[in-house]
N, C-alpha and C. Protein backbone atom coordinates (compact mmCIF):
# COMPACT_ATOMS: atom_id res chain seq x y z
N MET A 1 86.31 125.19 126.23
CA MET A 1 86.25 126.27 125.28
C MET A 1 85.13 125.99 124.30
N VAL A 2 84.75 126.99 123.64
CA VAL A 2 83.69 126.87 122.65
C VAL A 2 84.30 126.34 121.36
N GLY A 3 85.33 125.59 121.47
CA GLY A 3 86.02 125.03 120.30
C GLY A 3 87.37 125.70 120.13
N HIS A 4 88.40 124.90 120.05
CA HIS A 4 89.74 125.46 119.89
C HIS A 4 89.85 126.22 118.58
N GLU A 5 89.01 125.87 117.59
CA GLU A 5 89.07 126.52 116.30
C GLU A 5 88.49 127.94 116.35
N VAL A 6 87.70 128.25 117.37
CA VAL A 6 87.09 129.57 117.49
C VAL A 6 88.03 130.43 118.31
N HIS A 7 89.01 130.99 117.67
CA HIS A 7 90.09 131.71 118.35
C HIS A 7 89.61 132.92 119.15
N GLY A 8 88.55 133.56 118.72
CA GLY A 8 88.05 134.75 119.41
C GLY A 8 87.65 134.51 120.85
N THR A 9 87.30 133.28 121.20
CA THR A 9 86.88 133.00 122.57
C THR A 9 88.03 133.09 123.56
N LEU A 10 89.25 133.18 123.07
CA LEU A 10 90.41 133.28 123.96
C LEU A 10 90.74 134.71 124.32
N TYR A 11 90.08 135.68 123.71
CA TYR A 11 90.38 137.08 123.98
C TYR A 11 89.84 137.49 125.33
N PRO A 12 90.53 138.38 126.03
CA PRO A 12 90.14 138.77 127.39
C PRO A 12 88.70 139.25 127.51
N ALA A 13 88.19 140.00 126.55
CA ALA A 13 86.81 140.51 126.66
C ALA A 13 85.82 139.36 126.72
N TYR A 14 86.02 138.33 125.91
CA TYR A 14 85.13 137.18 125.94
C TYR A 14 85.29 136.43 127.27
N LEU A 15 86.52 136.23 127.69
CA LEU A 15 86.75 135.49 128.94
C LEU A 15 86.12 136.21 130.12
N GLU A 16 86.25 137.53 130.17
CA GLU A 16 85.63 138.28 131.27
C GLU A 16 84.13 138.05 131.31
N ASN A 17 83.49 138.11 130.16
CA ASN A 17 82.04 137.89 130.10
C ASN A 17 81.68 136.46 130.47
N PHE A 18 82.47 135.50 130.02
CA PHE A 18 82.22 134.10 130.37
C PHE A 18 82.30 133.91 131.89
N TYR A 19 83.38 134.41 132.49
CA TYR A 19 83.56 134.23 133.94
C TYR A 19 82.46 134.95 134.72
N ARG A 20 82.10 136.13 134.27
CA ARG A 20 81.04 136.90 134.95
C ARG A 20 79.71 136.15 134.90
N ALA A 21 79.46 135.43 133.81
CA ALA A 21 78.22 134.68 133.64
C ALA A 21 78.28 133.29 134.30
N GLY A 22 79.43 132.94 134.88
CA GLY A 22 79.56 131.66 135.56
C GLY A 22 79.87 130.50 134.62
N VAL A 23 80.36 130.81 133.42
CA VAL A 23 80.70 129.76 132.46
C VAL A 23 81.93 129.01 132.94
N ARG A 24 81.88 127.70 132.87
CA ARG A 24 83.01 126.86 133.24
C ARG A 24 83.66 126.35 131.96
N LEU A 25 84.92 126.66 131.75
CA LEU A 25 85.63 126.26 130.54
C LEU A 25 86.29 124.90 130.75
N THR A 26 86.02 123.98 129.85
CA THR A 26 86.57 122.62 129.94
C THR A 26 87.11 122.22 128.56
N PRO A 27 88.28 122.72 128.19
CA PRO A 27 88.79 122.52 126.83
C PRO A 27 89.10 121.07 126.47
N ASP A 28 89.32 120.22 127.43
CA ASP A 28 89.68 118.83 127.11
C ASP A 28 88.50 117.87 127.29
N HIS A 29 87.28 118.40 127.27
CA HIS A 29 86.07 117.59 127.44
C HIS A 29 85.24 117.61 126.17
N HIS A 30 84.52 116.52 125.95
CA HIS A 30 83.62 116.40 124.82
C HIS A 30 82.20 116.24 125.33
N LEU A 31 81.26 116.85 124.62
CA LEU A 31 79.85 116.75 124.98
C LEU A 31 79.32 115.37 124.62
N ARG A 32 78.75 114.69 125.58
CA ARG A 32 78.17 113.36 125.35
C ARG A 32 76.68 113.42 125.13
N GLU A 33 75.99 114.23 125.97
CA GLU A 33 74.54 114.30 125.83
C GLU A 33 74.03 115.54 126.55
N ILE A 34 72.85 115.98 126.15
CA ILE A 34 72.13 117.05 126.84
C ILE A 34 70.76 116.49 127.15
N ARG A 35 70.32 116.69 128.39
CA ARG A 35 69.00 116.19 128.78
C ARG A 35 68.32 117.20 129.71
N ARG A 36 67.03 117.04 129.86
CA ARG A 36 66.26 117.88 130.78
C ARG A 36 66.09 117.17 132.11
N GLU A 37 66.33 117.91 133.17
CA GLU A 37 66.10 117.39 134.53
C GLU A 37 65.48 118.50 135.36
N ALA A 38 64.32 118.24 135.88
CA ALA A 38 63.63 119.20 136.75
C ALA A 38 63.55 120.59 136.12
N GLY A 39 63.23 120.64 134.83
CA GLY A 39 63.06 121.92 134.15
C GLY A 39 64.35 122.61 133.75
N ALA A 40 65.50 121.96 133.92
CA ALA A 40 66.78 122.56 133.55
C ALA A 40 67.46 121.67 132.50
N LEU A 41 68.36 122.26 131.74
CA LEU A 41 69.17 121.48 130.81
C LEU A 41 70.44 121.04 131.51
N VAL A 42 70.79 119.78 131.34
CA VAL A 42 72.00 119.22 131.94
C VAL A 42 72.89 118.71 130.81
N ALA A 43 74.12 119.18 130.78
CA ALA A 43 75.09 118.73 129.79
C ALA A 43 75.99 117.67 130.42
N VAL A 44 76.14 116.54 129.76
CA VAL A 44 77.00 115.47 130.23
C VAL A 44 78.24 115.47 129.34
N VAL A 45 79.40 115.65 129.97
CA VAL A 45 80.67 115.71 129.24
C VAL A 45 81.60 114.62 129.74
N HIS A 46 82.62 114.29 128.95
CA HIS A 46 83.65 113.36 129.41
C HIS A 46 85.01 113.89 128.99
N ASN A 47 86.01 113.53 129.76
CA ASN A 47 87.37 113.96 129.49
C ASN A 47 87.90 113.17 128.30
N ALA A 48 88.38 113.85 127.33
CA ALA A 48 88.86 113.21 126.09
C ALA A 48 90.15 112.42 126.30
N HIS A 49 90.84 112.65 127.40
CA HIS A 49 92.14 112.02 127.62
C HIS A 49 92.14 110.95 128.70
N ARG A 50 90.97 110.51 129.10
CA ARG A 50 90.89 109.47 130.14
C ARG A 50 90.14 108.28 129.65
C-alpha cells in the first residue's frame, strides 16, 4: 500500500486504477533501496515480518 495511513488508497476507485496500471500492492514490505538498472528504476523491498 502507499502507506496504511493514507486511507484513500483503499477505496475501490483507487484500487481499480492501481490494478489496471499493473501496480503490485505489498502492505507488509518496506522499501530498502531504489536503483537504476538498464535504464529502469528498480525498487528493492523486504518483508517487515521475516
